[in-house]
Protein backbone atom coordinates (compact mmCIF):
# COMPACT_ATOMS: atom_id res chain seq x y z
CA MET A 1 -19.53 9.71 -22.66
CA SER A 2 -21.16 9.86 -19.19
CA LEU A 3 -21.02 13.49 -17.38
CA ARG A 4 -22.45 13.90 -14.44
CA PHE A 5 -22.53 17.33 -12.95
CA VAL A 6 -21.34 17.38 -9.37
CA GLY A 7 -21.27 21.18 -8.27
CA ILE A 8 -20.48 24.98 -9.18
CA ASP A 9 -18.92 27.38 -6.84
CA PRO A 10 -21.53 28.90 -4.71
CA ASN A 11 -20.23 31.99 -4.96
CA THR A 12 -20.92 31.99 -9.04
CA ASP A 13 -22.10 34.47 -11.24
CA ASP A 14 -23.30 32.09 -13.33
CA GLU A 15 -21.04 32.52 -16.18
CA HIS A 16 -17.34 30.84 -16.48
CA CYS A 17 -17.21 29.66 -12.82
CA PRO A 18 -15.53 26.79 -11.42
CA THR A 19 -17.21 23.49 -11.96
CA VAL A 20 -16.68 19.93 -11.11
CA TRP A 21 -18.10 16.79 -12.99
CA VAL A 22 -17.45 12.91 -12.99
CA ASP A 23 -16.91 11.12 -16.36
CA ASP A 24 -18.76 7.88 -15.38
CA GLU A 25 -17.27 5.88 -18.47
CA ALA A 26 -13.42 7.32 -17.98
CA GLY A 27 -13.87 7.00 -13.97
CA GLU A 28 -12.09 10.18 -14.23
CA LEU A 29 -13.30 13.82 -12.52
CA VAL A 30 -13.16 17.10 -14.86
CA ILE A 31 -12.64 20.14 -13.33
CA GLN A 32 -13.10 23.70 -14.96
CA GLY A 33 -11.44 26.38 -12.86
CA TRP A 34 -9.34 29.77 -13.52
CA LYS A 35 -6.29 29.45 -15.21
CA VAL A 36 -3.44 30.24 -13.00
CA SER A 37 -0.55 32.77 -13.30
CA ALA A 38 2.70 32.90 -15.08
CA GLU A 39 4.58 32.76 -11.78
CA LEU A 40 2.33 30.36 -10.14
CA LYS A 41 3.00 28.28 -13.30
CA ALA A 42 6.52 28.40 -12.95
CA ALA A 43 6.32 27.58 -9.13
CA CYS A 44 3.96 24.54 -9.65
CA GLU A 45 6.32 23.25 -12.26
CA SER A 46 9.25 23.55 -9.70
CA ASN A 47 7.94 22.00 -7.22
CA THR A 48 6.98 18.44 -8.76
CA PRO A 49 8.82 15.35 -8.95
CA ALA A 50 7.74 15.41 -12.74
CA LYS A 51 10.33 16.25 -15.20
CA GLY A 52 10.06 18.95 -17.28
CA GLY A 53 7.01 21.54 -18.03
CA VAL A 54 3.26 21.44 -17.97
CA PRO A 55 2.61 19.68 -21.57
CA ASP A 56 -0.13 21.63 -23.86
CA TYR A 57 -2.62 19.20 -23.21
CA GLU A 58 -2.41 19.88 -19.52
CA GLU A 59 -3.55 22.84 -17.50
CA ILE A 60 -2.69 24.03 -14.44
CA VAL A 61 -5.88 25.72 -12.55
CA ARG A 62 -7.47 26.79 -9.43
CA ILE A 63 -10.49 25.81 -7.63
CA PRO A 64 -11.87 27.81 -4.38
CA ALA A 65 -11.09 26.47 -1.21
CA ARG A 66 -15.21 26.52 -0.50
CA MET A 67 -15.93 23.38 -3.46
CA VAL A 68 -13.82 21.06 -1.52
CA PRO A 69 -17.20 19.46 -0.38
CA MET A 70 -18.15 19.18 -4.14
CA ILE A 71 -14.72 17.56 -4.74
CA LYS A 72 -14.72 15.13 -2.20
CA GLU A 73 -18.32 14.00 -3.88
CA ALA A 74 -16.79 13.62 -7.18
CA CYS A 75 -14.35 11.92 -5.56
CA ASP A 76 -16.28 9.44 -3.91
CA THR A 77 -18.44 8.44 -6.63
CA VAL A 78 -15.54 7.79 -9.08
CA GLU A 79 -14.01 5.59 -6.39
CA HIS A 80 -17.35 3.78 -5.54
CA SER A 81 -17.64 3.38 -9.59
CA ALA A 82 -13.96 1.73 -9.81
CA VAL A 83 -15.18 -0.65 -6.80
CA GLN A 84 -17.83 -2.00 -8.70
């Protein structure tokens, strides 16, 4: 696995914080975020074209808007890698 760190929440306390990585081999983003409440999870599940709830092997997470530049960088990295 070729995992590349992109960024961490700039308001971090350096423990258990939203983080963004790129998995270069898989061409995927890897995101750590805060778990959502049961209420938000239910709202997400009711507002999607996907059938059924969130399966056990998936999770809905929250990340702060201040991390958008890091996510854009990670997206650009994955997109550039896919073009090659």
